[in-house]
């Protein structure tokens, strides 16, 4: 939220009307490390040895521990929120569809998310609308590590 002259506050995020089909939004970057994976494993209870046991992980096709796929989604979501596009104007994340993990995120990889607005549709309520985005998470080499479609219920301008 930002404060305007006179002390009233307004959302920092974009309203439904501010999104244009075809527009591309790019988040900031974030490096994923072993601490992230350990904290995520502790939070979720997912201690799969692929993520937490270096000796085991050396026997896998990846040759080392890798980040959880769901952690990659969480980092992507966090980067979107840090960008501010959805701050104070999002009513609900309606869904993530067609989620695919296409390459591992290795410790030390730096990822960012590129989202293309594919649809903006009105709802039956005049104060809200749905924005649909096609998202790809890429590493520092430009390889896509994850892709998905995101549907977000947004406020419309008052």
N, C-alpha and C. Protein backbone atom coordinates (compact mmCIF):
# COMPACT_ATOMS: atom_id res chain seq x y z
N UNK A 1 0.84 -1.17 0.00
CA UNK A 1 0.00 0.00 0.00
C UNK A 1 0.89 1.24 0.00
N UNK A 2 0.43 2.25 -0.68
CA UNK A 2 1.12 3.52 -0.67
C UNK A 2 0.18 4.57 -0.10
N UNK A 3 0.76 5.60 0.50
CA UNK A 3 -0.05 6.66 1.08
C UNK A 3 -0.08 7.84 0.12
N UNK A 4 -1.26 8.38 -0.09
CA UNK A 4 -1.42 9.52 -0.98
C UNK A 4 -1.49 10.80 -0.16
N UNK A 5 -1.46 11.91 -0.86
CA UNK A 5 -1.61 13.21 -0.19
C UNK A 5 -2.95 13.18 0.55
N UNK A 6 -2.94 13.59 1.79
CA UNK A 6 -4.15 13.57 2.59
C UNK A 6 -4.21 12.35 3.50
N UNK A 7 -3.22 11.46 3.38
CA UNK A 7 -3.12 10.35 4.31
C UNK A 7 -3.91 9.09 3.95
N UNK A 8 -4.64 9.10 2.84
CA UNK A 8 -5.36 7.88 2.47
C UNK A 8 -4.39 6.92 1.80
N UNK A 9 -4.68 5.64 1.91
CA UNK A 9 -3.79 4.67 1.28
C UNK A 9 -4.51 4.01 0.10
N UNK A 10 -3.71 3.61 -0.87
CA UNK A 10 -4.25 2.91 -2.03
C UNK A 10 -3.31 1.75 -2.34
N UNK A 11 -3.83 0.72 -2.97
CA UNK A 11 -2.99 -0.44 -3.29
C UNK A 11 -1.85 -0.07 -4.23
N UNK A 12 -0.72 -0.72 -4.04
CA UNK A 12 0.43 -0.53 -4.93
C UNK A 12 0.24 -1.34 -6.21
N UNK A 13 -0.49 -2.44 -6.12
CA UNK A 13 -0.64 -3.36 -7.24
C UNK A 13 -1.49 -2.82 -8.37
N UNK A 14 -1.48 -3.59 -9.43
CA UNK A 14 -2.26 -3.23 -10.61
C UNK A 14 -3.69 -3.72 -10.46
N UNK A 15 -4.60 -3.00 -11.07
CA UNK A 15 -5.98 -3.44 -11.15
C UNK A 15 -6.17 -4.28 -12.41
N UNK A 16 -7.31 -4.96 -12.47
CA UNK A 16 -7.64 -5.82 -13.61
C UNK A 16 -7.47 -5.07 -14.92
N UNK A 17 -7.92 -3.82 -14.96
CA UNK A 17 -7.86 -3.02 -16.19
C UNK A 17 -6.44 -2.70 -16.63
N UNK A 18 -5.48 -2.84 -15.73
CA UNK A 18 -4.10 -2.48 -16.04
C UNK A 18 -3.33 -3.56 -16.78
N UNK A 19 -3.91 -4.76 -16.89
CA UNK A 19 -3.24 -5.86 -17.59
C UNK A 19 -3.70 -5.90 -19.04
N UNK A 20 -2.75 -6.11 -19.96
CA UNK A 20 -3.07 -6.19 -21.39
C UNK A 20 -2.67 -7.55 -21.93
N UNK A 21 -3.58 -8.15 -22.69
CA UNK A 21 -3.26 -9.44 -23.31
C UNK A 21 -2.02 -9.27 -24.20
N UNK A 22 -1.08 -10.20 -24.05
CA UNK A 22 0.17 -10.14 -24.79
C UNK A 22 1.31 -9.49 -24.03
N UNK A 23 0.99 -8.76 -22.99
CA UNK A 23 2.00 -8.10 -22.17
C UNK A 23 2.87 -9.15 -21.46
N UNK A 24 4.16 -8.88 -21.35
CA UNK A 24 5.08 -9.79 -20.66
C UNK A 24 5.60 -9.09 -19.40
N UNK A 25 5.49 -9.78 -18.28
CA UNK A 25 5.97 -9.29 -16.99
C UNK A 25 7.15 -10.16 -16.58
N UNK A 26 8.23 -9.55 -16.15
CA UNK A 26 9.43 -10.30 -15.77
C UNK A 26 9.79 -9.95 -14.33
N UNK A 27 9.96 -10.97 -13.50
CA UNK A 27 10.30 -10.76 -12.09
C UNK A 27 11.80 -10.52 -11.93
N UNK A 28 12.16 -10.17 -10.73
CA UNK A 28 13.57 -10.12 -10.36
C UNK A 28 14.12 -11.54 -10.23
N UNK A 29 15.42 -11.63 -10.04
CA UNK A 29 16.09 -12.94 -9.95
C UNK A 29 16.31 -13.33 -8.49
N UNK A 30 16.46 -14.65 -8.28
CA UNK A 30 16.76 -15.17 -6.95
C UNK A 30 17.60 -16.43 -7.08
N UNK A 31 18.67 -16.51 -6.31
CA UNK A 31 19.53 -17.69 -6.31
C UNK A 31 19.02 -18.67 -5.26
N UNK A 32 18.87 -19.93 -5.67
CA UNK A 32 18.38 -20.99 -4.78
C UNK A 32 19.60 -21.73 -4.23
N UNK A 33 19.64 -21.92 -2.91
CA UNK A 33 20.79 -22.60 -2.31
C UNK A 33 20.34 -23.72 -1.37
N UNK A 34 21.31 -24.40 -0.80
CA UNK A 34 21.03 -25.53 0.08
C UNK A 34 20.22 -25.15 1.30
N UNK A 35 20.42 -23.95 1.82
CA UNK A 35 19.62 -23.49 2.96
C UNK A 35 18.15 -23.39 2.62
N UNK A 36 17.85 -22.90 1.41
CA UNK A 36 16.45 -22.82 0.98
C UNK A 36 15.82 -24.21 0.97
N UNK A 37 16.56 -25.18 0.43
CA UNK A 37 16.04 -26.54 0.32
C UNK A 37 15.85 -27.15 1.71
N UNK A 38 16.80 -26.94 2.60
CA UNK A 38 16.67 -27.48 3.96
C UNK A 38 15.48 -26.87 4.69
N UNK A 39 15.31 -25.55 4.58
CA UNK A 39 14.16 -24.90 5.24
C UNK A 39 12.85 -25.38 4.64
N UNK A 40 12.81 -25.54 3.32
CA UNK A 40 11.59 -26.01 2.67
C UNK A 40 11.26 -27.43 3.10
N UNK A 41 12.27 -28.29 3.18
CA UNK A 41 12.06 -29.67 3.64
C UNK A 41 11.50 -29.67 5.06
N UNK A 42 12.06 -28.84 5.93
CA UNK A 42 11.57 -28.77 7.30
C UNK A 42 10.16 -28.24 7.39
N UNK A 43 9.83 -27.26 6.58
CA UNK A 43 8.50 -26.67 6.58
C UNK A 43 7.45 -27.65 6.07
N UNK A 44 7.76 -28.38 5.01
CA UNK A 44 6.78 -29.25 4.35
C UNK A 44 6.82 -30.69 4.80
N UNK A 45 7.95 -31.11 5.38
CA UNK A 45 8.11 -32.52 5.72
C UNK A 45 8.58 -33.37 4.56
N UNK A 46 8.93 -32.73 3.43
CA UNK A 46 9.41 -33.46 2.26
C UNK A 46 10.93 -33.61 2.34
N UNK A 47 11.34 -34.71 2.97
CA UNK A 47 12.77 -34.99 3.13
C UNK A 47 13.24 -36.04 2.13
N UNK A 48 12.67 -36.04 0.93
CA UNK A 48 13.10 -36.98 -0.09
C UNK A 48 14.62 -36.86 -0.25
N UNK A 49 15.33 -38.01 -0.26
CA UNK A 49 16.80 -37.95 -0.33
C UNK A 49 17.33 -37.27 -1.60
N UNK A 50 16.51 -37.15 -2.63
CA UNK A 50 16.93 -36.43 -3.83
C UNK A 50 17.27 -34.98 -3.48
N UNK A 51 16.61 -34.46 -2.44
CA UNK A 51 16.80 -33.07 -2.03
C UNK A 51 17.70 -32.93 -0.81
N UNK A 52 17.76 -33.96 0.03
CA UNK A 52 18.39 -33.80 1.34
C UNK A 52 19.61 -34.68 1.61
N UNK A 53 19.91 -35.64 0.73
CA UNK A 53 21.00 -36.59 0.99
C UNK A 53 21.98 -36.55 -0.19
N UNK A 54 23.11 -35.88 0.02
CA UNK A 54 24.08 -35.68 -1.06
C UNK A 54 24.60 -37.02 -1.60
N UNK A 55 24.87 -37.97 -0.72
CA UNK A 55 25.39 -39.27 -1.18
C UNK A 55 24.37 -39.97 -2.08
N UNK A 56 23.13 -40.00 -1.65
CA UNK A 56 22.09 -40.60 -2.48
C UNK A 56 21.95 -39.84 -3.80
N UNK A 57 21.91 -38.52 -3.71
CA UNK A 57 21.67 -37.70 -4.90
C UNK A 57 22.74 -37.90 -5.97
N UNK A 58 23.96 -38.26 -5.56
CA UNK A 58 25.02 -38.50 -6.57
C UNK A 58 24.72 -39.73 -7.42
N UNK A 59 23.81 -40.58 -6.97
CA UNK A 59 23.45 -41.79 -7.73
C UNK A 59 22.30 -41.55 -8.69
N UNK A 60 21.73 -40.35 -8.69
CA UNK A 60 20.60 -40.03 -9.56
C UNK A 60 21.09 -39.42 -10.87
N UNK A 61 20.22 -39.30 -11.85
CA UNK A 61 20.62 -38.67 -13.12
C UNK A 61 21.12 -37.23 -12.96
N UNK A 62 20.73 -36.56 -11.86
CA UNK A 62 21.15 -35.17 -11.65
C UNK A 62 22.56 -35.08 -11.09
N UNK A 63 23.04 -36.13 -10.43
CA UNK A 63 24.39 -36.18 -9.91
C UNK A 63 24.63 -35.40 -8.63
N UNK A 64 23.61 -34.69 -8.15
CA UNK A 64 23.72 -33.90 -6.92
C UNK A 64 22.31 -33.58 -6.43
N UNK A 65 22.24 -33.04 -5.22
CA UNK A 65 20.94 -32.62 -4.69
C UNK A 65 20.35 -31.53 -5.57
N UNK A 66 19.03 -31.53 -5.68
CA UNK A 66 18.32 -30.49 -6.43
C UNK A 66 17.18 -29.95 -5.59
N UNK A 67 16.69 -28.79 -5.96
CA UNK A 67 15.57 -28.16 -5.25
C UNK A 67 14.27 -28.91 -5.55
N UNK A 68 13.37 -28.87 -4.60
CA UNK A 68 12.02 -29.41 -4.79
C UNK A 68 11.33 -28.63 -5.91
N UNK A 69 10.53 -29.31 -6.72
CA UNK A 69 9.76 -28.61 -7.74
C UNK A 69 8.81 -27.61 -7.13
N UNK A 70 8.15 -28.00 -6.03
CA UNK A 70 7.21 -27.09 -5.38
C UNK A 70 7.93 -25.88 -4.79
N UNK A 71 9.18 -26.04 -4.38
CA UNK A 71 9.97 -24.90 -3.92
C UNK A 71 10.17 -23.93 -5.08
N UNK A 72 10.42 -24.46 -6.26
CA UNK A 72 10.58 -23.60 -7.44
C UNK A 72 9.31 -22.78 -7.68
N UNK A 73 8.14 -23.42 -7.54
CA UNK A 73 6.87 -22.69 -7.67
C UNK A 73 6.76 -21.60 -6.60
N UNK A 74 7.15 -21.94 -5.38
CA UNK A 74 7.05 -20.98 -4.28
C UNK A 74 7.97 -19.78 -4.52
N UNK A 75 9.17 -20.03 -5.01
CA UNK A 75 10.10 -18.94 -5.31
C UNK A 75 9.52 -18.06 -6.42
N UNK A 76 8.92 -18.69 -7.42
CA UNK A 76 8.29 -17.94 -8.51
C UNK A 76 7.18 -17.05 -7.97
N UNK A 77 6.34 -17.61 -7.11
CA UNK A 77 5.23 -16.84 -6.53
C UNK A 77 5.76 -15.69 -5.69
N UNK A 78 6.79 -15.95 -4.91
CA UNK A 78 7.37 -14.88 -4.09
C UNK A 78 7.94 -13.76 -4.94
N UNK A 79 8.60 -14.10 -6.03
CA UNK A 79 9.16 -13.08 -6.92
C UNK A 79 8.06 -12.23 -7.54
N UNK A 80 6.94 -12.86 -7.88
CA UNK A 80 5.81 -12.11 -8.43
C UNK A 80 5.29 -11.10 -7.40
N UNK A 81 5.20 -11.53 -6.15
CA UNK A 81 4.70 -10.63 -5.12
C UNK A 81 5.70 -9.53 -4.81
N UNK A 82 6.98 -9.84 -4.84
CA UNK A 82 7.98 -8.79 -4.63
C UNK A 82 7.93 -7.72 -5.72
N UNK A 83 7.52 -8.11 -6.92
CA UNK A 83 7.43 -7.15 -8.02
C UNK A 83 6.33 -6.12 -7.79
N UNK A 84 5.36 -6.44 -6.95
CA UNK A 84 4.32 -5.48 -6.58
C UNK A 84 3.08 -5.46 -7.46
N UNK A 85 3.07 -6.22 -8.54
CA UNK A 85 1.94 -6.19 -9.47
C UNK A 85 0.62 -6.57 -8.80
N UNK A 86 0.68 -7.42 -7.78
CA UNK A 86 -0.53 -7.97 -7.18
C UNK A 86 -0.80 -7.45 -5.77
N UNK A 87 0.04 -6.53 -5.29
CA UNK A 87 -0.05 -6.06 -3.91
C UNK A 87 -1.30 -5.21 -3.66
N UNK A 88 -2.19 -5.73 -2.84
CA UNK A 88 -3.39 -5.00 -2.45
C UNK A 88 -4.51 -5.03 -3.47
N UNK A 89 -4.29 -5.68 -4.61
CA UNK A 89 -5.34 -5.73 -5.63
C UNK A 89 -5.77 -7.16 -5.97
N UNK A 90 -5.05 -8.14 -5.46
CA UNK A 90 -5.42 -9.54 -5.70
C UNK A 90 -6.45 -9.96 -4.68
N UNK A 91 -7.51 -10.59 -5.15
CA UNK A 91 -8.53 -11.13 -4.27
C UNK A 91 -8.30 -12.62 -4.00
N UNK A 92 -7.78 -13.35 -5.00
CA UNK A 92 -7.53 -14.78 -4.82
C UNK A 92 -6.69 -15.33 -5.96
N UNK A 93 -5.84 -16.29 -5.61
CA UNK A 93 -5.18 -17.11 -6.62
C UNK A 93 -6.18 -18.23 -6.91
N UNK A 94 -6.73 -18.24 -8.12
CA UNK A 94 -7.77 -19.22 -8.46
C UNK A 94 -7.20 -20.57 -8.83
N UNK A 95 -6.00 -20.59 -9.38
CA UNK A 95 -5.44 -21.89 -9.72
C UNK A 95 -4.14 -21.80 -10.48
N UNK A 96 -3.42 -22.91 -10.41
CA UNK A 96 -2.23 -23.14 -11.21
C UNK A 96 -2.52 -24.38 -12.04
N UNK A 97 -2.47 -24.24 -13.35
CA UNK A 97 -2.81 -25.34 -14.24
C UNK A 97 -1.63 -25.69 -15.12
N UNK A 98 -1.64 -26.93 -15.60
CA UNK A 98 -0.61 -27.42 -16.53
C UNK A 98 0.80 -27.19 -16.00
N UNK A 99 1.02 -27.45 -14.71
CA UNK A 99 2.34 -27.28 -14.11
C UNK A 99 3.26 -28.38 -14.63
N UNK A 100 4.42 -27.98 -15.13
CA UNK A 100 5.42 -28.93 -15.63
C UNK A 100 6.79 -28.50 -15.14
N UNK A 101 7.54 -29.47 -14.61
CA UNK A 101 8.92 -29.24 -14.20
C UNK A 101 9.79 -29.86 -15.29
N UNK A 102 10.51 -29.02 -16.02
CA UNK A 102 11.20 -29.48 -17.23
C UNK A 102 12.71 -29.62 -17.09
N UNK A 103 13.27 -29.10 -16.01
CA UNK A 103 14.70 -29.23 -15.75
C UNK A 103 14.91 -29.01 -14.26
N UNK A 104 15.96 -29.60 -13.70
CA UNK A 104 16.20 -29.42 -12.27
C UNK A 104 16.71 -28.03 -11.95
N UNK A 105 16.40 -27.57 -10.74
CA UNK A 105 17.02 -26.37 -10.20
C UNK A 105 18.09 -26.87 -9.25
N UNK A 106 19.33 -26.63 -9.63
CA UNK A 106 20.47 -27.07 -8.83
C UNK A 106 20.88 -25.98 -7.86
N UNK A 107 21.54 -26.35 -6.79
CA UNK A 107 21.99 -25.38 -5.80
C UNK A 107 22.91 -24.38 -6.50
N UNK A 108 22.65 -23.12 -6.29
CA UNK A 108 23.41 -22.06 -6.93
C UNK A 108 22.77 -21.52 -8.19
N UNK A 109 21.71 -22.18 -8.69
CA UNK A 109 21.00 -21.66 -9.86
C UNK A 109 20.25 -20.39 -9.48
N UNK A 110 20.22 -19.44 -10.40
CA UNK A 110 19.49 -18.19 -10.21
C UNK A 110 18.30 -18.21 -11.15
N UNK A 111 17.10 -18.07 -10.59
CA UNK A 111 15.88 -18.19 -11.38
C UNK A 111 15.10 -16.88 -11.39
N UNK A 112 14.32 -16.71 -12.43
CA UNK A 112 13.36 -15.61 -12.54
C UNK A 112 12.14 -16.15 -13.29
N UNK A 113 11.05 -15.40 -13.25
CA UNK A 113 9.81 -15.81 -13.90
C UNK A 113 9.41 -14.80 -14.96
N UNK A 114 9.02 -15.32 -16.11
CA UNK A 114 8.48 -14.49 -17.20
C UNK A 114 7.03 -14.90 -17.39
N UNK A 115 6.12 -13.92 -17.29
CA UNK A 115 4.69 -14.20 -17.40
C UNK A 115 4.09 -13.41 -18.55
N UNK A 116 3.35 -14.10 -19.39
CA UNK A 116 2.64 -13.45 -20.49
C UNK A 116 1.16 -13.45 -20.16
N UNK A 117 0.53 -12.28 -20.23
CA UNK A 117 -0.90 -12.18 -20.00
C UNK A 117 -1.60 -12.80 -21.21
N UNK A 118 -2.35 -13.87 -20.99
CA UNK A 118 -3.02 -14.55 -22.10
C UNK A 118 -4.52 -14.25 -22.18
N UNK A 119 -5.11 -13.79 -21.07
CA UNK A 119 -6.54 -13.46 -21.09
C UNK A 119 -6.88 -12.56 -19.91
N UNK A 120 -7.85 -11.69 -20.13
CA UNK A 120 -8.44 -10.87 -19.08
C UNK A 120 -9.94 -10.96 -19.30
N UNK A 121 -10.64 -11.53 -18.32
CA UNK A 121 -12.07 -11.68 -18.52
C UNK A 121 -12.85 -11.13 -17.34
N UNK A 122 -13.98 -10.57 -17.66
CA UNK A 122 -14.86 -10.02 -16.64
C UNK A 122 -15.51 -11.17 -15.88
N UNK A 123 -16.00 -10.87 -14.70
CA UNK A 123 -16.77 -11.84 -13.93
C UNK A 123 -18.20 -11.30 -13.80
N UNK A 124 -19.05 -12.04 -13.12
CA UNK A 124 -20.43 -11.59 -12.92
C UNK A 124 -20.51 -10.44 -11.92
N UNK A 125 -19.42 -10.17 -11.22
CA UNK A 125 -19.38 -9.08 -10.25
C UNK A 125 -18.60 -7.91 -10.86
N UNK A 126 -19.14 -6.71 -10.84
CA UNK A 126 -18.49 -5.58 -11.50
C UNK A 126 -17.22 -5.08 -10.83
N UNK A 127 -16.93 -5.54 -9.61
CA UNK A 127 -15.76 -5.04 -8.89
C UNK A 127 -14.53 -5.93 -9.05
N UNK A 128 -14.62 -6.95 -9.92
CA UNK A 128 -13.50 -7.89 -10.07
C UNK A 128 -13.43 -8.48 -11.47
N UNK A 129 -12.25 -9.00 -11.79
CA UNK A 129 -12.04 -9.66 -13.06
C UNK A 129 -10.93 -10.69 -12.91
N UNK A 130 -10.80 -11.57 -13.89
CA UNK A 130 -9.80 -12.63 -13.85
C UNK A 130 -8.70 -12.33 -14.86
N UNK A 131 -7.46 -12.48 -14.42
CA UNK A 131 -6.29 -12.36 -15.30
C UNK A 131 -5.66 -13.75 -15.38
N UNK A 132 -5.39 -14.20 -16.60
CA UNK A 132 -4.75 -15.50 -16.81
C UNK A 132 -3.37 -15.23 -17.42
N UNK A 133 -2.36 -15.85 -16.81
CA UNK A 133 -0.98 -15.65 -17.24
C UNK A 133 -0.33 -16.98 -17.54
N UNK A 134 0.48 -17.01 -18.58
CA UNK A 134 1.31 -18.17 -18.89
C UNK A 134 2.69 -17.87 -18.32
N UNK A 135 3.14 -18.69 -17.37
CA UNK A 135 4.39 -18.41 -16.66
C UNK A 135 5.46 -19.43 -17.00
N UNK A 136 6.68 -18.96 -17.16
CA UNK A 136 7.84 -19.84 -17.30
C UNK A 136 8.90 -19.37 -16.31
N UNK A 137 9.48 -20.33 -15.60
CA UNK A 137 10.58 -20.04 -14.69
C UNK A 137 11.85 -20.47 -15.41
N UNK A 138 12.81 -19.54 -15.48
CA UNK A 138 14.06 -19.81 -16.20
C UNK A 138 15.25 -19.67 -15.27
N UNK A 139 16.30 -20.44 -15.57
CA UNK A 139 17.54 -20.31 -14.80
C UNK A 139 18.47 -19.30 -15.48
N UNK A 140 19.65 -19.16 -14.92
CA UNK A 140 20.61 -18.16 -15.41
C UNK A 140 21.10 -18.43 -16.82
N UNK A 141 20.93 -19.64 -17.31
CA UNK A 141 21.33 -19.97 -18.69
C UNK A 141 20.17 -19.78 -19.68
N UNK A 142 18.99 -19.38 -19.16
CA UNK A 142 17.83 -19.21 -20.02
C UNK A 142 17.04 -20.49 -20.23
N UNK A 143 17.42 -21.58 -19.53
CA UNK A 143 16.70 -22.84 -19.63
C UNK A 143 15.39 -22.74 -18.84
N UNK A 144 14.31 -23.20 -19.42
CA UNK A 144 13.04 -23.26 -18.70
C UNK A 144 13.09 -24.43 -17.73
N UNK A 145 12.87 -24.15 -16.44
CA UNK A 145 12.88 -25.20 -15.42
C UNK A 145 11.47 -25.56 -14.96
N UNK A 146 10.52 -24.67 -15.23
CA UNK A 146 9.13 -24.91 -14.83
C UNK A 146 8.23 -24.02 -15.68
N UNK A 147 7.05 -24.53 -15.97
CA UNK A 147 6.05 -23.75 -16.69
C UNK A 147 4.67 -24.05 -16.13
N UNK A 148 3.80 -23.05 -16.17
CA UNK A 148 2.43 -23.24 -15.67
C UNK A 148 1.54 -22.10 -16.12
N UNK A 149 0.23 -22.31 -15.97
CA UNK A 149 -0.75 -21.26 -16.22
C UNK A 149 -1.31 -20.83 -14.88
N UNK A 150 -1.41 -19.54 -14.68
CA UNK A 150 -1.86 -18.98 -13.40
C UNK A 150 -3.12 -18.15 -13.63
N UNK A 151 -4.14 -18.38 -12.81
CA UNK A 151 -5.39 -17.60 -12.87
C UNK A 151 -5.54 -16.83 -11.57
N UNK A 152 -5.73 -15.51 -11.70
CA UNK A 152 -5.77 -14.64 -10.53
C UNK A 152 -7.03 -13.78 -10.58
N UNK A 153 -7.75 -13.75 -9.48
CA UNK A 153 -8.93 -12.88 -9.35
C UNK A 153 -8.44 -11.53 -8.84
N UNK A 154 -8.69 -10.48 -9.63
CA UNK A 154 -8.16 -9.14 -9.34
C UNK A 154 -9.30 -8.14 -9.10
N UNK A 155 -8.98 -7.14 -8.31
CA UNK A 155 -9.91 -6.02 -8.13
C UNK A 155 -9.97 -5.20 -9.43
N UNK A 156 -11.13 -4.64 -9.69
CA UNK A 156 -11.27 -3.65 -10.75
C UNK A 156 -11.20 -2.26 -10.12
N UNK A 157 -10.93 -1.28 -10.94
CA UNK A 157 -10.84 0.09 -10.43
C UNK A 157 -12.18 0.51 -9.81
N UNK A 158 -12.10 1.20 -8.66
CA UNK A 158 -13.34 1.66 -8.02
C UNK A 158 -14.08 2.66 -8.88
